[in-house]
Protein backbone atom coordinates (compact mmCIF):
# COMPACT_ATOMS: atom_id res chain seq x y z
CA UNK A 1 6.62 -50.42 -22.87
CA UNK A 2 8.44 -47.36 -21.11
CA UNK A 3 7.56 -43.91 -20.04
CA UNK A 4 10.13 -41.81 -19.12
CA UNK A 5 8.76 -39.00 -16.92
CA UNK A 6 10.21 -35.64 -16.43
CA UNK A 7 9.94 -33.94 -13.30
CA UNK A 8 8.88 -35.54 -9.91
CA UNK A 9 6.90 -32.20 -8.72
CA UNK A 10 2.77 -33.08 -8.62
CA UNK A 11 2.31 -33.24 -11.98
CA UNK A 12 4.84 -35.52 -11.95
CA UNK A 13 4.24 -38.10 -9.14
CA UNK A 14 0.93 -38.24 -10.12
CA UNK A 15 2.03 -39.17 -13.99
CA UNK A 16 4.89 -41.70 -12.96
CA UNK A 17 2.75 -43.36 -10.44
CA UNK A 18 -0.99 -43.62 -13.02
CA UNK A 19 1.82 -44.30 -16.14
CA UNK A 20 3.12 -47.57 -13.58
CA UNK A 21 0.21 -48.91 -13.41
CA UNK A 22 -0.05 -50.40 -17.59
CA UNK A 23 3.29 -49.36 -18.72
CA UNK A 24 6.08 -52.64 -19.03
CA UNK A 25 8.57 -49.86 -16.90
CA UNK A 26 9.28 -45.86 -15.57
CA UNK A 27 11.44 -43.88 -15.45
CA UNK A 28 10.88 -40.63 -12.96
CA UNK A 29 14.00 -37.98 -13.51
CA UNK A 30 14.41 -35.73 -11.39
CA UNK A 31 17.77 -33.04 -10.95
CA UNK A 32 16.92 -32.34 -7.28
CA UNK A 33 17.68 -34.48 -4.45
CA UNK A 34 14.28 -35.17 -3.27
CA UNK A 35 11.43 -35.30 -4.73
CA UNK A 36 7.82 -33.08 -4.58
CA UNK A 37 10.26 -29.96 -3.39
CA UNK A 38 7.94 -26.92 -4.75
CA UNK A 39 5.04 -29.42 -3.27
CA UNK A 40 6.71 -29.29 0.53
CA UNK A 41 5.60 -25.10 0.43
CA UNK A 42 2.36 -24.95 -0.93
CA UNK A 43 0.21 -23.24 1.26
CA UNK A 44 2.88 -22.15 3.71
CA UNK A 45 3.73 -25.66 4.18
CA UNK A 46 0.26 -26.81 4.62
CA UNK A 47 0.32 -28.09 1.45
CA UNK A 48 -3.78 -26.94 -0.47
CA UNK A 49 -3.99 -29.94 -2.23
CA UNK A 50 -6.99 -28.95 -4.20
CA UNK A 51 -11.06 -27.19 -4.38
CA UNK A 52 -13.83 -28.77 -2.64
CA UNK A 53 -16.26 -26.90 -5.53
CA UNK A 54 -17.56 -28.53 -8.58
CA UNK A 55 -16.12 -29.34 -11.55
CA UNK A 56 -17.82 -26.44 -13.53
CA UNK A 57 -17.74 -24.12 -10.98
CA UNK A 58 -14.14 -25.14 -11.05
CA UNK A 59 -13.07 -24.56 -14.90
CA UNK A 60 -13.93 -21.23 -14.39
CA UNK A 61 -11.57 -20.97 -11.65
CA UNK A 62 -8.48 -20.69 -14.60
CA UNK A 63 -8.86 -17.64 -16.30
CA UNK A 64 -6.14 -18.59 -19.02
CA UNK A 65 -6.64 -21.47 -21.00
CA UNK A 66 -9.72 -23.21 -18.21
CA UNK A 67 -11.89 -24.61 -20.74
CA UNK A 68 -8.47 -26.72 -22.35
CA UNK A 69 -8.98 -28.85 -18.87
CA UNK A 70 -11.82 -29.51 -19.43
CA UNK A 71 -10.96 -33.81 -20.24
CA UNK A 72 -8.23 -33.80 -17.33
CA UNK A 73 -10.85 -31.85 -14.36
CA UNK A 74 -13.59 -34.44 -15.15
CA UNK A 75 -11.45 -37.05 -16.00
CA UNK A 76 -9.63 -37.01 -12.64
CA UNK A 77 -11.44 -34.78 -10.68
CA UNK A 78 -10.76 -33.45 -6.82
CA UNK A 79 -12.90 -36.01 -5.23
CA UNK A 80 -10.03 -38.21 -6.76
CA UNK A 81 -7.41 -36.97 -5.95
CA UNK A 82 -8.55 -36.48 -2.28
CA UNK A 83 -9.67 -40.43 -2.14
CA UNK A 84 -6.07 -40.93 -3.23
CA UNK A 85 -4.53 -39.26 -0.95
CA UNK A 86 -6.90 -41.17 1.68
CA UNK A 87 -6.03 -44.62 0.24
CA UNK A 88 -2.41 -43.64 0.87
CA UNK A 89 -3.22 -42.93 4.22
CA UNK A 90 -3.05 -38.98 3.60
CA UNK A 91 -6.60 -37.81 5.53
CA UNK A 92 -8.25 -34.56 4.20
CA UNK A 93 -9.92 -31.65 5.00
CA UNK A 94 -12.41 -28.49 3.97
CA UNK A 95 -11.56 -24.80 5.22
CA UNK A 96 -12.99 -21.61 3.96
CA UNK A 97 -13.12 -20.93 0.43
CA UNK A 98 -13.66 -24.50 -0.11
CA UNK A 99 -10.06 -25.15 0.06
CA UNK A 100 -8.89 -28.83 0.81
CA UNK A 101 -5.81 -29.47 3.26
CA UNK A 102 -4.48 -32.72 4.79
CA UNK A 103 -5.89 -32.89 8.44
CA UNK A 104 -2.14 -32.67 9.55
CA UNK A 105 -1.93 -29.71 8.16
CA UNK A 106 1.49 -30.57 6.99
CA UNK A 107 2.87 -31.05 3.25
CA UNK A 108 5.46 -33.21 3.99
CA UNK A 109 2.91 -36.09 4.36
CA UNK A 110 1.17 -35.05 0.79
CA UNK A 111 4.97 -35.74 -0.41
CA UNK A 112 5.47 -39.05 0.74
CA UNK A 113 2.27 -40.43 0.07
CA UNK A 114 2.98 -39.46 -3.93
CA UNK A 115 6.16 -40.45 -3.64
CA UNK A 116 5.27 -44.03 -2.64
CA UNK A 117 2.47 -43.88 -5.24
CA UNK A 118 4.63 -43.09 -7.74
CA UNK A 119 7.92 -45.42 -6.97
CA UNK A 120 6.21 -48.71 -7.77
CA UNK A 121 8.19 -51.90 -8.24
CA UNK A 122 8.09 -50.72 -12.00
CA UNK A 123 9.52 -47.22 -11.39
CA UNK A 124 13.53 -46.13 -11.64
CA UNK A 125 14.34 -42.93 -10.20
CA UNK A 126 17.19 -41.22 -11.55
CA UNK A 127 18.46 -38.21 -10.38
CA UNK A 128 19.22 -36.06 -13.02
CA UNK A 129 18.85 -32.73 -15.62
CA UNK A 130 17.05 -33.92 -19.21
CA UNK A 131 19.51 -31.79 -21.33
CA UNK A 132 17.38 -32.88 -25.29
CA UNK A 133 14.88 -35.09 -26.42
CA UNK A 134 16.17 -37.52 -28.60
CA UNK A 135 12.84 -38.33 -31.95
CA UNK A 136 13.42 -39.91 -35.03
CA UNK A 137 10.71 -39.41 -37.88
CA UNK A 138 8.56 -37.20 -35.85
CA UNK A 139 8.46 -39.44 -32.66
CA UNK A 140 9.43 -39.43 -29.36
CA UNK A 141 12.71 -42.34 -29.08
CA UNK A 142 13.94 -41.01 -25.27
CA UNK A 143 16.04 -38.30 -23.41
CA UNK A 144 19.31 -37.15 -22.83
CA UNK A 145 20.30 -36.53 -19.61
CA UNK A 146 22.84 -35.27 -17.62
CA UNK A 147 23.57 -38.94 -16.52
CA UNK A 148 23.16 -40.42 -19.86
CA UNK A 149 20.54 -41.42 -22.46
CA UNK A 150 17.10 -42.71 -21.16
CA UNK A 151 15.22 -44.21 -24.58
CA UNK A 152 11.23 -45.19 -24.30
CA UNK A 153 8.44 -44.97 -26.45
CA UNK A 154 7.26 -42.16 -24.63
CA UNK A 155 7.89 -39.12 -22.98
CA UNK A 156 6.34 -37.19 -20.58
CA UNK A 157 7.58 -33.30 -19.65
CA UNK A 158 6.44 -32.93 -16.42
CA UNK A 159 8.92 -29.76 -15.25
CA UNK A 160 7.66 -27.21 -13.81
CA UNK A 161 7.19 -23.14 -15.07
CA UNK A 162 9.56 -20.61 -14.23
CA UNK A 163 8.21 -19.58 -10.56
CA UNK A 164 10.53 -21.26 -7.40
CA UNK A 165 13.66 -22.09 -9.24
CA UNK A 166 14.99 -22.72 -6.17
CA UNK A 167 12.72 -26.39 -6.33
CA UNK A 168 14.10 -26.81 -9.68
CA UNK A 169 10.73 -25.28 -11.47
CA UNK A 170 13.57 -23.27 -13.24
CA UNK A 171 12.08 -23.14 -17.44
CA UNK A 172 13.82 -25.45 -18.40
CA UNK A 173 11.07 -27.46 -19.73
CA UNK A 174 10.17 -24.76 -22.05
CA UNK A 175 13.72 -26.07 -24.18
CA UNK A 176 12.31 -29.22 -24.14
CA UNK A 177 9.34 -28.50 -25.67
CA UNK A 178 10.78 -25.57 -28.49
CA UNK A 179 12.98 -27.76 -29.83
CA UNK A 180 10.43 -30.56 -30.74
CA UNK A 181 8.65 -27.74 -32.39
CA UNK A 182 6.27 -26.34 -30.17
CA UNK A 183 5.56 -22.53 -29.51
CA UNK A 184 5.89 -21.12 -26.15
CA UNK A 185 3.60 -18.33 -24.64
CA UNK A 186 5.90 -16.04 -23.03
CA UNK A 187 6.30 -17.10 -19.04
CA UNK A 188 5.11 -14.19 -16.46
CA UNK A 189 4.11 -14.25 -12.93
CA UNK A 190 0.93 -15.13 -12.02
CA UNK A 191 -0.20 -15.31 -7.82
CA UNK A 192 2.14 -12.87 -7.44
CA UNK A 193 3.28 -10.13 -4.39
CA UNK A 194 2.49 -6.40 -6.31
CA UNK A 195 4.45 -3.53 -5.65
CA UNK A 196 3.02 -0.04 -5.44
CA UNK A 197 4.04 3.56 -5.78
CA UNK A 198 3.04 4.55 -2.21
CA UNK A 199 6.73 4.76 -0.08
CA UNK A 200 4.71 4.04 2.85
CA UNK A 201 4.32 1.19 2.43
CA UNK A 202 8.11 -0.02 3.56
CA UNK A 203 7.12 1.68 7.31
CA UNK A 204 4.39 -0.60 7.49
CA UNK A 205 6.45 -3.81 6.48
CA UNK A 206 5.48 -7.08 8.19
CA UNK A 207 1.62 -5.63 9.09
CA UNK A 208 -0.90 -8.39 7.93
CA UNK A 209 -4.67 -6.95 7.49
CA UNK A 210 -7.71 -9.88 8.45
CA UNK A 211 -10.71 -9.48 6.73
CA UNK A 212 -9.99 -6.39 4.45
CA UNK A 213 -12.08 -6.11 1.58
CA UNK A 214 -9.91 -5.21 -1.50
CA UNK A 215 -10.43 -4.04 -5.39
CA UNK A 216 -8.82 -3.67 -8.26
CA UNK A 217 -9.63 -0.62 -10.86
CA UNK A 218 -8.38 -0.42 -14.12
CA UNK A 219 -7.23 2.97 -14.69
CA UNK A 220 -9.96 4.05 -16.48
CA UNK A 221 -11.64 3.17 -13.13
CA UNK A 222 -13.19 -0.25 -14.14
CA UNK A 223 -13.66 -3.17 -11.01
CA UNK A 224 -11.30 -5.65 -12.17
CA UNK A 225 -11.48 -7.89 -8.63
CA UNK A 226 -13.22 -7.87 -5.52
CA UNK A 227 -11.97 -10.38 -2.64
CA UNK A 228 -12.45 -10.35 1.24
CA UNK A 229 -9.51 -11.70 3.58
CA UNK A 230 -6.00 -11.22 4.36
CA UNK A 231 -3.26 -9.34 3.40
CA UNK A 232 0.15 -7.89 3.83
CA UNK A 233 2.42 -5.18 3.84
CA UNK A 234 5.81 -5.63 2.59
CA UNK A 235 9.15 -3.21 2.13
CA UNK A 236 8.36 -3.01 -1.89
CA UNK A 237 4.36 -3.00 -2.03
CA UNK A 238 1.55 -5.43 -1.01
CA UNK A 239 1.31 -9.70 -1.05
CA UNK A 240 -0.61 -11.83 1.09
CA UNK A 241 -3.31 -14.49 -0.39
CA UNK A 242 -5.78 -11.34 -1.40
CA UNK A 243 -2.69 -9.89 -3.24
CA UNK A 244 -1.95 -13.05 -5.01
CA UNK A 245 -5.25 -13.91 -6.45
CA UNK A 246 -5.94 -9.95 -7.38
CA UNK A 247 -2.35 -10.44 -9.28
CA UNK A 248 -4.20 -13.10 -11.66
CA UNK A 249 -6.89 -10.95 -12.61
CA UNK A 250 -4.37 -7.88 -13.30
CA UNK A 251 -2.11 -8.33 -15.76
CA UNK A 252 -3.88 -6.82 -19.14
CA UNK A 253 -4.76 -4.21 -16.95
CA UNK A 254 -0.78 -3.08 -15.02
CA UNK A 255 0.32 -1.53 -17.80
CA UNK A 256 -2.15 1.34 -18.38
CA UNK A 257 -2.02 1.21 -14.44
CA UNK A 258 -4.00 0.11 -11.92
CA UNK A 259 -5.89 0.90 -8.10
CA UNK A 260 -5.84 -1.45 -5.40
CA UNK A 261 -8.37 0.12 -2.73
CA UNK A 262 -8.36 -0.92 0.56
CA UNK A 263 -11.55 -1.55 2.88
CA UNK A 264 -10.50 -1.86 6.31
CA UNK A 265 -13.88 -2.20 7.97
CA UNK A 266 -15.96 -3.87 5.20
CA UNK A 267 -18.47 -5.19 8.10
CA UNK A 268 -19.53 -1.57 7.93
CA UNK A 269 -21.49 1.00 5.73
CA UNK A 270 -20.62 4.29 5.52
CA UNK A 271 -23.27 5.54 8.60
CA UNK A 272 -22.35 2.42 10.98
CA UNK A 273 -18.75 3.20 10.30
CA UNK A 274 -19.18 7.01 11.52
CA UNK A 275 -21.08 5.98 14.42
CA UNK A 276 -18.62 3.66 15.72
CA UNK A 277 -16.09 6.58 14.99
CA UNK A 278 -18.22 9.60 16.75
CA UNK A 279 -18.67 6.77 20.22
CA UNK A 280 -14.94 6.37 19.91
CA UNK A 281 -14.41 9.51 20.43
CA UNK A 282 -16.93 10.74 22.54
CA UNK A 283 -14.74 8.40 24.82
CA UNK A 284 -11.04 9.65 24.10
CA UNK A 285 -12.78 13.52 24.34
CA UNK A 286 -9.54 14.76 24.92
CA UNK A 287 -7.22 13.08 23.86
CA UNK A 288 -5.44 13.60 20.01
CA UNK A 289 -6.54 11.94 17.35
CA UNK A 290 -3.20 9.69 16.97
CA UNK A 291 -3.65 8.12 19.92
CA UNK A 292 -7.56 7.81 19.22
CA UNK A 293 -7.78 5.21 16.56
CA UNK A 294 -5.93 2.25 17.99
CA UNK A 295 -9.48 1.05 18.36
CA UNK A 296 -10.36 0.56 14.80
CA UNK A 297 -7.00 -0.28 13.58
CA UNK A 298 -3.29 -1.16 13.95
CA UNK A 299 -1.81 1.91 16.04
CA UNK A 300 1.03 1.43 12.75
CA UNK A 301 -1.11 2.17 10.36
CA UNK A 302 -2.65 5.03 12.20
CA UNK A 303 -0.32 7.86 10.50
CA UNK A 304 -1.62 6.32 7.28
CA UNK A 305 -5.30 7.26 7.14
CA UNK A 306 -4.92 10.69 9.65
CA UNK A 307 -2.68 11.35 6.36
CA UNK A 308 -5.14 10.47 4.36
CA UNK A 309 -7.38 12.44 5.73
CA UNK A 310 -5.25 15.27 5.87
CA UNK A 311 -6.01 16.33 9.67
CA UNK A 312 -3.85 17.37 12.51
CA UNK A 313 -3.07 14.32 14.21
CA UNK A 314 -2.14 16.54 17.51
CA UNK A 315 -5.90 18.17 16.99
CA UNK A 316 -8.10 16.60 20.06
CA UNK A 317 -11.06 14.73 19.01
CA UNK A 318 -13.49 16.57 20.99
CA UNK A 319 -12.82 19.42 18.71
CA UNK A 320 -13.11 16.96 15.22
CA UNK A 321 -15.83 18.20 12.49
CA UNK A 322 -18.29 16.38 11.27
CA UNK A 323 -16.29 16.56 7.84
CA UNK A 324 -13.25 15.95 9.32
CA UNK A 325 -14.93 12.65 11.00
CA UNK A 326 -15.97 11.55 7.55
CA UNK A 327 -12.53 12.11 5.87
CA UNK A 328 -11.58 9.51 8.42
CA UNK A 329 -14.60 7.16 7.87
CA UNK A 330 -13.86 7.78 4.39
CA UNK A 331 -9.77 6.76 4.52
CA UNK A 332 -10.28 3.50 6.13
CA UNK A 333 -13.49 2.30 3.79
CA UNK A 334 -10.99 2.99 0.48
CA UNK A 335 -6.93 3.53 0.89
CA UNK A 336 -5.41 3.61 -2.67
CA UNK A 337 -3.03 2.03 -3.21
CA UNK A 338 -1.73 2.89 -6.74
CA UNK A 339 -0.19 -0.61 -8.41
CA UNK A 340 3.49 0.07 -9.96
CA UNK A 341 4.32 -4.05 -11.20
CA UNK A 342 4.83 -7.56 -9.93
CA UNK A 343 7.74 -9.16 -8.39
CA UNK A 344 9.79 -11.21 -10.06
CA UNK A 345 8.88 -14.07 -11.70
CA UNK A 346 10.97 -16.46 -9.55
CA UNK A 347 8.81 -15.01 -6.44
CA UNK A 348 5.46 -16.25 -8.31
CA UNK A 349 3.22 -18.75 -7.47
CA UNK A 350 2.67 -19.93 -10.67
CA UNK A 351 3.62 -18.85 -13.59
CA UNK A 352 1.40 -17.98 -16.84
CA UNK A 353 2.36 -19.16 -20.24
CA UNK A 354 4.74 -22.20 -21.13
CA UNK A 355 3.77 -24.40 -23.80
CA UNK A 356 0.77 -23.60 -26.42
CA UNK A 357 -2.54 -25.46 -25.72
CA UNK A 358 -3.61 -25.41 -29.50
CA UNK A 359 -0.48 -27.82 -29.77
CA UNK A 360 -1.36 -30.35 -26.99
CA UNK A 361 -4.35 -32.98 -27.38
CA UNK A 362 -6.74 -31.72 -23.77
CA UNK A 363 -8.29 -35.08 -23.98
CA UNK A 364 -5.12 -36.98 -23.66
CA UNK A 365 -2.14 -34.13 -22.90
CA UNK A 366 -0.30 -35.61 -25.93
CA UNK A 367 1.75 -33.40 -28.17
CA UNK A 368 0.23 -32.76 -31.63
CA UNK A 369 3.52 -32.33 -32.94
CA UNK A 370 5.21 -35.43 -31.93
CA UNK A 371 3.90 -38.55 -31.22
CA UNK A 372 5.03 -40.43 -28.19
CA UNK A 373 5.47 -36.61 -26.34
CA UNK A 374 3.35 -35.73 -23.59
CA UNK A 375 2.89 -32.68 -21.17
CA UNK A 376 1.77 -31.91 -17.82
CA UNK A 377 1.50 -29.58 -15.08
CA UNK A 378 2.47 -25.62 -14.34
CA UNK A 379 4.66 -26.24 -17.70
CA UNK A 380 1.49 -25.64 -20.20
CA UNK A 381 -0.18 -22.34 -20.80
CA UNK A 382 -2.90 -22.54 -17.74
CA UNK A 383 -3.05 -21.11 -14.70
CA UNK A 384 -5.43 -21.11 -11.72
CA UNK A 385 -6.29 -18.76 -8.92
CA UNK A 386 -5.03 -19.31 -5.71
CA UNK A 387 -7.46 -22.13 -3.83
CA UNK A 388 -5.97 -25.14 -4.71
CA UNK A 389 -6.79 -24.97 -8.56
CA UNK A 390 -3.22 -24.76 -9.70
CA UNK A 391 -2.59 -28.10 -7.54
CA UNK A 392 -5.61 -29.80 -8.86
CA UNK A 393 -4.57 -28.80 -12.73
CA UNK A 394 -1.45 -30.99 -12.13
CA UNK A 395 -2.78 -33.71 -10.32
CA UNK A 396 -5.75 -34.22 -13.43
CA UNK A 397 -2.89 -33.11 -16.23
CA UNK A 398 -0.19 -36.18 -14.91
CA UNK A 399 -3.16 -38.00 -14.69
CA UNK A 400 -4.51 -37.91 -17.82
CA UNK A 401 -1.04 -38.24 -19.36
CA UNK A 402 0.27 -40.64 -17.19
CA UNK A 403 -2.92 -42.83 -18.31
CA UNK A 404 -2.79 -42.06 -22.03
CA UNK A 405 1.50 -42.61 -22.39
CA UNK A 406 1.37 -46.15 -20.80
CA UNK A 407 -1.96 -47.42 -22.66
CA UNK A 408 -1.41 -45.87 -26.10
CA UNK A 409 -0.25 -48.03 -28.73
C-alpha cells in the first residue's frame, strides 16, 4: 500500500512517520525547500509543543469543534507527544500555564527530530505543489503535482490553514478538499492581533506590559474573557500572548462592538492602589503629576493615564484632591480600548474554519465522502487557544490519520 501525505508541517510529519510504520511506501509532498517551516516559528522560535493538562481539560481548550478531537486526543495524548520527542533526543520541560517546550528552547530541534521520525527508509520526500486529487468511482487514487503524478491508495491532506502563507500554509488545501466535495467553513483569523480605535496606541508601539489583567466585554457589557499575563502595544493596536488568547473569544461579538479593559495593577485592590499612590505622592510633594507616576507604570504610558483621569499633567501632586487621585487609580485599574477589528488572516497564528468536521470520521480522520482521503491538522475546522493546544491537535490528528490510512483495508 502507498500512502501520500500532502504537507510536511507538524501534522504531515506525524502522519508520514506513523503511516511508515505500517504502509509499504509513503510519499511526503512539500512545496517548501525545507519541512516544518511554520513549526520553526511557533512559540517565538521556542516551539510550544503541547500542554500538560489532562485530556478532558484539553478538549475544553478548543472553542471550535473541540469534541471532534475526542478520539484523536485520547488515542495520541500529550504524554505520547513528549515521549516520542524524548525518544528522538528532544527532552521537554513544563512552564507556566502547563506549556511544554523543548529543554533547549529551540524549535529547530523539534523540527529536526520530527524530520527524522517522518523520513524512514520507506518514505520518499518530494518537493512539489499538489494541484489536484486523483479519484475513481468515489475512491482516492493519488494526486497530480507540479512534479508529476503520484499514485496511491490513501491520501492525507495536511496543508494547514491560511495563516502565515510564507511558510506554505496558504489555504491551498481548501481547494483540494472542495474538489473532493467537502464543505469549507469560511476561514477567519484566530489567535490574531487586534486593531483598536484609540489613536494613542500608536504612540506606545513596542511597549510591552507584563503581569496585567485584560478583560473583554461585548457591546452589551457581557464578560467574554479574562486573562493574566503579557500584552504589547503596536502601531495598529494591541498584540501579545494575552491578546492572542482573547481574540479567540470575541469572534462572534466583534461586529457588534467589543471593549478590552486593561488592569495595570491586578494585584492591588482599588483601596490598596490608592494607598500606594498616596505614598508615592508623599515622597514627591513638589513634583508635577507628569513626573510622579514612574514608580507605578512605564513613562510612555503616563500621559495616557493622566489624560484618562482628566487632570492637568503639570499640577503639583501636593495639590491633588482625593477625587483626582481616585480617578488616577480608576484609570490604572481600567484602561479601556475599543476593538475595531482583527488584523489580516496572514498575521494569525491559526485559522478558524476549514473542512467541515461533520464530513470527517473523528475516529479515523477519513473523509465520509471519498474513500481513502484523510485530513489532519489546521485544515480541519478546529482551533484552540494559545498554550500548545493547536500543535497538540496537529500531532493527534496527524497520528490518527497516518495510523488509519496505513492500516485501512
